[in-house]
Amino acid sequence: MPQYTRRNFVISLGAALAAAPAVIAMAGCGSTGSTGGSTGGSGTASSGAAASASSASEYKLVEPGKLTIGCSPDYPPMEYQDGDKIVGFDYGVMSEICDRLGLECNFLPAQSFDTLVTQVAAGTKMDVSISSITIDDDRAEQVDFSDPYYDSNLAIVVMKDAVTDGGIASRDDIDGKPVGAQSGSTGEAWIKENLKDSAYTPFDTTVECLAALRTGQVTAVVYDEPVARNQIANEYTDCEILDVIATGEQYGIIVNKNNKALTTAINKALADMESDGTMDELKEKWIGGADVVASSKTVDKAASSKADSKAASSKADSASASKD
């Protein structure tokens, strides 16, 4: 945010009387946006408030002075419920943006993920949504996206015993088997495009997906890698990532198409957060470091090793049978 210097004038009574018009004019210029008189120093707070108020007047907001935000808080560590509060990486990003825009941060109660785009497009209930939403052309027909703020991939998650005892070694082994994903997600889109022989079941949340995985309703679920890693490490230790799908997808904040000034302001805040290190701090706090895309090579190698091992075992069995 630009820094402005306000001059402090120390004027004798005689000089003030002699130059009253000039003093009044200069004092008027110097006190714009100030409610507490001259403070000395930079005057950042008052000038910043004036700039924020000026910018905010260009935004089309559901409630003046507030940024009303929708999300589906079932996606730790990105966004999730901690008691009655929404927390997570996306929450941290949005809170910081609101501070920089001079707006109150107003997160709505939990929303269904597959309604977020249509609700932002309508512009009556929420101004924006941040909810690990992948930037894609279909969504961009209805809403505007901010610049990307996080790079991700998809992960195929299965039960551990499906790998050890069930003969599942790679993504090829789940084609034709029942699979699931969150409704409206890129995981759903990937399944429909790549697992055409599989019976697909949509679920409202990843928690429902994983419950179906545990009960055997589905053999695999597909969703975002950082969330899969978090859930497997903490609550679903009986599951594992079978494979990472290197989609190279990027998350963006969605904004109503008639709110161009707001999109521009959000992009400026995101750029500043990247350059001043705030974004790295938020990633470290909530996710444990940088974007997950680099980790996909490790997982792909592991999956490839499993597939090679299975193929080698199959060849050995065949050779043994022929000798017999």
Protein backbone atom coordinates (compact mmCIF):
# COMPACT_ATOMS: atom_id res chain seq x y z
CA MET A 1 0.00 0.00 0.00
CA PRO A 2 1.48 3.45 -0.88
CA GLN A 3 3.10 5.38 1.99
CA TYR A 4 2.32 9.07 2.36
CA THR A 5 4.07 11.69 4.57
CA ARG A 6 1.99 14.28 6.35
CA ARG A 7 3.70 17.51 7.32
CA ASN A 8 3.39 18.92 10.80
CA PHE A 9 3.26 22.66 10.81
CA VAL A 10 4.42 24.66 13.81
CA ILE A 11 3.29 28.18 13.14
CA SER A 12 3.45 31.16 15.40
CA LEU A 13 0.23 33.02 16.06
CA GLY A 14 1.35 36.05 14.13
CA ALA A 15 2.40 34.04 11.08
CA ALA A 16 -0.80 32.06 11.22
CA LEU A 17 -2.89 35.24 11.18
CA ALA A 18 -0.85 36.65 8.35
CA ALA A 19 -1.10 33.51 6.21
CA ALA A 20 -4.43 32.07 7.32
CA PRO A 21 -5.80 31.15 3.82
CA ALA A 22 -2.65 29.24 2.90
CA VAL A 23 -2.54 27.44 6.23
CA ILE A 24 -6.19 26.38 5.93
CA ALA A 25 -5.65 25.04 2.43
CA MET A 26 -2.51 23.12 3.40
CA ALA A 27 -4.08 21.73 6.56
CA GLY A 28 -7.07 20.56 4.54
CA CYS A 29 -4.82 18.62 2.17
CA GLY A 30 -2.80 17.13 4.99
CA SER A 31 -5.74 15.87 7.07
CA THR A 32 -7.64 13.83 4.49
CA GLY A 33 -8.87 10.60 6.08
CA SER A 34 -7.61 11.58 9.54
CA THR A 35 -9.83 11.56 12.59
CA GLY A 36 -7.23 12.24 15.25
CA GLY A 37 -5.38 15.33 13.99
CA SER A 38 -1.69 15.51 13.26
CA THR A 39 0.30 12.54 14.52
CA GLY A 40 3.79 13.21 13.26
CA GLY A 41 5.69 10.56 11.30
CA SER A 42 4.23 8.80 8.24
CA GLY A 43 0.46 8.86 8.82
CA THR A 44 0.13 5.38 7.22
CA ALA A 45 -3.05 4.39 9.05
CA SER A 46 -5.09 7.41 8.04
CA SER A 47 -3.92 7.51 4.43
CA GLY A 48 -4.35 3.73 4.15
CA ALA A 49 -7.88 3.93 5.48
CA ALA A 50 -8.70 6.62 2.95
CA ALA A 51 -7.24 4.52 0.11
CA SER A 52 -9.15 1.43 1.25
CA ALA A 53 -12.39 3.36 1.52
CA SER A 54 -11.88 4.77 -1.94
CA SER A 55 -11.18 1.33 -3.42
CA ALA A 56 -13.99 -0.36 -1.50
CA SER A 57 -16.46 2.08 -2.98
CA GLU A 58 -15.72 0.54 -6.39
CA TYR A 59 -16.59 -3.00 -5.24
CA LYS A 60 -20.07 -4.46 -5.48
CA LEU A 61 -20.51 -6.14 -2.12
CA VAL A 62 -23.37 -8.08 -0.59
CA GLU A 63 -22.83 -6.06 2.59
CA PRO A 64 -20.95 -2.72 2.53
CA GLY A 65 -17.58 -2.92 4.25
CA LYS A 66 -17.64 -6.73 4.35
CA LEU A 67 -16.30 -9.37 2.00
CA THR A 68 -18.81 -12.21 2.16
CA ILE A 69 -17.09 -15.53 1.43
CA GLY A 70 -18.42 -19.00 0.70
CA CYS A 71 -16.52 -22.24 1.13
CA SER A 72 -17.00 -25.95 1.70
CA PRO A 73 -14.98 -26.52 4.89
CA ASP A 74 -14.46 -30.27 4.64
CA TYR A 75 -11.02 -30.23 3.04
CA PRO A 76 -8.22 -30.15 5.63
CA PRO A 77 -5.69 -28.58 5.66
CA MET A 78 -7.09 -26.18 3.07
CA GLU A 79 -10.41 -25.36 4.75
CA TYR A 80 -12.15 -27.18 7.57
CA GLN A 81 -14.19 -26.74 10.74
CA ASP A 82 -12.50 -26.40 14.12
CA GLY A 83 -15.51 -26.44 16.41
CA ASP A 84 -17.76 -23.71 15.09
CA LYS A 85 -14.92 -21.86 13.34
CA ILE A 86 -13.63 -22.24 9.79
CA VAL A 87 -9.84 -22.51 9.65
CA GLY A 88 -7.14 -23.67 7.24
CA PHE A 89 -4.82 -22.43 4.52
CA ASP A 90 -7.59 -20.93 2.37
CA TYR A 91 -9.04 -19.18 5.41
CA GLY A 92 -5.63 -17.71 6.19
CA VAL A 93 -5.20 -16.50 2.61
CA MET A 94 -8.62 -14.87 2.52
CA SER A 95 -8.24 -13.24 5.94
CA GLU A 96 -4.97 -11.67 4.86
CA ILE A 97 -6.52 -10.40 1.64
CA CYS A 98 -9.38 -8.81 3.58
CA ASP A 99 -6.91 -7.05 5.87
CA ARG A 100 -5.07 -5.62 2.88
CA LEU A 101 -8.29 -4.50 1.24
CA GLY A 102 -9.60 -2.89 4.42
CA LEU A 103 -12.69 -5.13 4.49
CA GLU A 104 -14.24 -7.21 7.25
CA CYS A 105 -13.81 -10.93 6.57
CA ASN A 106 -17.23 -12.61 6.69
CA PHE A 107 -17.19 -16.38 6.09
CA LEU A 108 -20.64 -17.87 5.62
CA PRO A 109 -21.61 -21.17 7.26
CA ALA A 110 -20.59 -24.31 5.35
CA GLN A 111 -21.75 -24.48 1.73
CA SER A 112 -21.93 -27.42 -0.69
CA PHE A 113 -18.91 -27.38 -2.97
CA ASP A 114 -20.87 -27.98 -6.15
CA THR A 115 -23.00 -24.86 -5.53
CA LEU A 116 -20.18 -22.35 -5.01
CA VAL A 117 -19.73 -21.33 -8.65
CA THR A 118 -23.44 -20.76 -9.24
CA GLN A 119 -23.82 -18.83 -5.98
CA VAL A 120 -20.93 -16.47 -6.76
CA ALA A 121 -22.28 -16.05 -10.29
CA ALA A 122 -25.66 -15.04 -8.85
CA GLY A 123 -24.02 -12.39 -6.68
CA THR A 124 -26.77 -12.24 -4.07
CA LYS A 125 -25.44 -14.36 -1.20
CA MET A 126 -21.65 -14.22 -1.44
CA ASP A 127 -19.08 -11.96 -3.07
CA VAL A 128 -16.34 -14.55 -3.56
CA SER A 129 -15.49 -18.15 -2.82
CA ILE A 130 -12.20 -19.72 -1.81
CA SER A 131 -12.39 -23.48 -1.44
CA SER A 132 -9.52 -25.20 -3.27
CA ILE A 133 -11.30 -24.40 -6.53
CA THR A 134 -9.32 -25.41 -9.59
CA ILE A 135 -9.18 -22.85 -12.38
CA ASP A 136 -10.82 -24.29 -15.49
CA ASP A 137 -12.58 -23.08 -18.62
CA ASP A 138 -16.04 -24.37 -17.74
CA ARG A 139 -16.12 -22.52 -14.43
CA ALA A 140 -14.60 -19.42 -16.02
CA GLU A 141 -17.65 -19.12 -18.25
CA GLN A 142 -19.72 -18.32 -15.16
CA VAL A 143 -17.29 -16.51 -12.83
CA ASP A 144 -13.97 -14.71 -12.88
CA PHE A 145 -10.91 -16.29 -11.31
CA SER A 146 -8.17 -14.55 -9.42
CA ASP A 147 -4.59 -15.28 -10.33
CA PRO A 148 -3.54 -18.75 -9.08
CA TYR A 149 -2.44 -18.94 -5.45
CA TYR A 150 -1.65 -22.68 -5.11
CA ASP A 151 -0.46 -25.49 -7.40
CA SER A 152 -1.84 -28.99 -6.87
CA ASN A 153 -2.35 -32.47 -8.32
CA LEU A 154 -4.94 -35.20 -7.92
CA ALA A 155 -4.39 -38.38 -5.91
CA ILE A 156 -5.94 -41.83 -6.21
CA VAL A 157 -6.59 -43.14 -2.71
CA VAL A 158 -7.24 -46.81 -1.91
CA MET A 159 -7.27 -49.03 1.17
CA LYS A 160 -3.84 -50.33 2.15
CA ASP A 161 -5.02 -53.92 2.13
CA ALA A 162 -6.20 -53.49 -1.46
CA VAL A 163 -2.57 -52.95 -2.39
CA THR A 164 -1.10 -55.68 -0.20
CA ASP A 165 -3.79 -58.33 -0.65
CA GLY A 166 -6.16 -57.14 -3.36
CA GLY A 167 -3.86 -56.96 -6.36
CA ILE A 168 -4.13 -53.18 -6.83
CA ALA A 169 -0.76 -51.86 -7.97
CA SER A 170 -1.49 -48.94 -10.32
CA ARG A 171 -4.26 -46.77 -11.69
CA ASP A 172 -4.81 -49.32 -14.46
CA ASP A 173 -5.99 -51.80 -11.85
CA ILE A 174 -8.93 -49.67 -10.75
CA ASP A 175 -10.40 -49.21 -14.22
CA GLY A 176 -13.64 -51.13 -14.28
CA LYS A 177 -13.98 -51.09 -10.50
CA PRO A 178 -16.36 -48.81 -8.51
CA VAL A 179 -14.83 -45.40 -7.77
CA GLY A 180 -15.93 -42.17 -6.10
CA ALA A 181 -15.15 -38.45 -5.86
CA GLN A 182 -16.63 -35.24 -4.53
CA SER A 183 -19.48 -33.95 -6.68
CA GLY A 184 -18.44 -31.09 -8.94
CA SER A 185 -14.72 -31.63 -8.35
CA THR A 186 -11.83 -32.12 -10.76
CA GLY A 187 -11.52 -35.64 -9.34
CA GLU A 188 -15.00 -36.34 -10.68
CA ALA A 189 -14.05 -34.88 -14.07
CA TRP A 190 -10.89 -37.01 -14.23
CA ILE A 191 -12.79 -40.20 -13.42
CA LYS A 192 -15.41 -39.56 -16.08
CA GLU A 193 -12.74 -38.93 -18.67
CA ASN A 194 -10.26 -41.66 -17.77
CA LEU A 195 -12.15 -44.49 -16.04
CA LYS A 196 -15.01 -44.95 -18.46
CA ASP A 197 -15.50 -48.60 -17.52
CA SER A 198 -15.84 -47.85 -13.81
CA ALA A 199 -19.11 -47.36 -11.95
CA TYR A 200 -18.86 -43.83 -10.58
CA THR A 201 -20.55 -42.57 -7.40
CA PRO A 202 -20.50 -38.84 -6.47
CA PHE A 203 -20.37 -37.76 -2.82
CA ASP A 204 -20.94 -34.41 -1.12
CA THR A 205 -17.66 -34.48 0.83
CA THR A 206 -14.34 -36.31 0.87
CA VAL A 207 -15.26 -37.69 4.29
CA GLU A 208 -18.22 -39.46 2.66
CA CYS A 209 -15.89 -40.67 -0.10
CA LEU A 210 -13.51 -42.20 2.42
CA ALA A 211 -16.34 -43.76 4.41
CA ALA A 212 -17.49 -45.48 1.19
CA LEU A 213 -13.92 -46.61 0.58
CA ARG A 214 -13.71 -48.18 4.02
CA THR A 215 -17.02 -50.03 3.64
CA GLY A 216 -16.09 -51.36 0.21
CA GLN A 217 -18.73 -49.37 -1.67
CA VAL A 218 -15.92 -48.04 -3.86
CA THR A 219 -12.42 -49.34 -4.56
CA ALA A 220 -10.78 -45.93 -4.97
CA VAL A 221 -11.49 -42.24 -4.54
CA VAL A 222 -9.88 -39.38 -6.44
CA TYR A 223 -9.30 -35.93 -4.95
CA ASP A 224 -6.64 -33.29 -4.35
CA GLU A 225 -3.23 -34.50 -3.25
CA PRO A 226 -2.56 -32.08 -0.33
CA VAL A 227 -5.87 -33.00 1.27
CA ALA A 228 -5.32 -36.72 0.69
CA ARG A 229 -1.90 -36.54 2.32
CA ASN A 230 -3.29 -34.70 5.33
CA GLN A 231 -6.21 -37.05 5.88
CA ILE A 232 -4.13 -40.21 5.45
CA ALA A 233 -1.49 -38.92 7.88
CA ASN A 234 -4.01 -38.00 10.55
CA GLU A 235 -7.32 -39.85 10.39
CA TYR A 236 -7.26 -42.41 7.59
CA THR A 237 -4.05 -44.29 8.25
CA ASP A 238 -5.62 -47.46 6.82
CA CYS A 239 -5.63 -45.77 3.40
CA GLU A 240 -2.80 -44.85 1.07
CA ILE A 241 -2.12 -42.89 -2.10
CA LEU A 242 -1.95 -45.38 -4.93
CA ASP A 243 -0.88 -42.84 -7.52
CA VAL A 244 -0.58 -39.10 -8.10
CA ILE A 245 -2.14 -37.69 -11.25
CA ALA A 246 0.07 -34.84 -12.39
CA THR A 247 -2.70 -32.53 -13.56
CA GLY A 248 -0.76 -29.33 -12.80
CA GLU A 249 -4.00 -27.74 -11.66
CA GLN A 250 -4.05 -24.39 -9.88
CA TYR A 251 -6.42 -22.98 -7.29
CA GLY A 252 -8.04 -19.58 -7.73
CA ILE A 253 -10.53 -17.40 -5.86
CA ILE A 254 -13.79 -17.03 -7.76
CA VAL A 255 -15.44 -13.61 -8.11
CA ASN A 256 -18.64 -12.42 -9.76
CA LYS A 257 -18.00 -11.28 -13.32
CA ASN A 258 -19.51 -7.86 -12.60
CA ASN A 259 -16.94 -7.18 -9.88
CA LYS A 260 -13.81 -6.47 -11.92
CA ALA A 261 -12.41 -3.93 -9.44
CA LEU A 262 -12.59 -6.53 -6.67
CA THR A 263 -10.80 -9.15 -8.79
CA THR A 264 -8.06 -6.63 -9.56
CA ALA A 265 -7.66 -5.77 -5.88
CA ILE A 266 -7.49 -9.44 -4.88
CA ASN A 267 -4.82 -10.08 -7.52
CA LYS A 268 -2.78 -7.15 -6.20
CA ALA A 269 -3.03 -8.53 -2.66
CA LEU A 270 -2.00 -12.03 -3.80
CA ALA A 271 1.01 -10.65 -5.68
CA ASP A 272 2.09 -8.65 -2.64
CA MET A 273 1.67 -11.70 -0.39
CA GLU A 274 3.91 -13.73 -2.71
CA SER A 275 6.60 -11.05 -2.88
CA ASP A 276 6.71 -10.24 0.84
CA GLY A 277 6.79 -13.87 2.00
CA THR A 278 3.32 -13.99 3.56
CA MET A 279 2.14 -16.76 1.26
CA ASP A 280 5.12 -18.95 2.13
CA GLU A 281 4.42 -18.40 5.82
CA LEU A 282 0.80 -19.49 5.38
CA LYS A 283 1.84 -22.60 3.43
CA GLU A 284 4.33 -23.51 6.13
CA LYS A 285 1.76 -23.00 8.89
CA TRP A 286 -1.11 -24.94 7.35
CA ILE A 287 0.40 -27.36 4.83
CA GLY A 288 3.97 -27.80 5.98
CA GLY A 289 5.77 -26.16 3.10
CA ALA A 290 5.60 -25.45 -0.61
CA ASP A 291 3.05 -26.59 -3.15
CA VAL A 292 2.75 -30.36 -3.51
CA VAL A 293 3.45 -30.62 -7.24
CA ALA A 294 7.13 -31.49 -6.74
CA SER A 295 6.18 -34.46 -4.59
CA SER A 296 4.32 -36.13 -7.43
CA LYS A 297 7.55 -37.41 -8.96
CA THR A 298 8.31 -39.37 -5.81
CA VAL A 299 4.86 -40.90 -5.68
CA ASP A 300 4.87 -41.66 -9.41
CA LYS A 301 8.18 -43.48 -8.98
CA ALA A 302 6.74 -45.48 -6.09
CA ALA A 303 3.66 -46.39 -8.10
CA SER A 304 5.83 -47.34 -11.06
CA SER A 305 7.94 -49.53 -8.79
CA LYS A 306 4.81 -51.29 -7.52
CA ALA A 307 3.61 -51.89 -11.06
CA ASP A 308 7.04 -53.20 -12.12
CA SER A 309 7.12 -55.52 -9.09
CA LYS A 310 3.68 -56.85 -9.92
CA ALA A 311 4.67 -57.43 -13.55
CA ALA A 312 7.86 -59.21 -12.48
CA SER A 313 5.91 -61.40 -10.08
CA SER A 314 3.45 -62.27 -12.84
CA LYS A 315 6.29 -63.23 -15.20
CA ALA A 316 7.87 -65.40 -12.50
CA ASP A 317 4.57 -67.19 -11.88
CA SER A 318 4.18 -67.81 -15.60
CA ALA A 319 7.69 -69.18 -15.87
CA SER A 320 7.13 -71.46 -12.90
CA ALA A 321 3.90 -72.77 -14.39
CA SER A 322 5.57 -73.52 -17.73
CA LYS A 323 8.38 -75.44 -16.01
CA ASP A 324 5.83 -77.56 -14.21
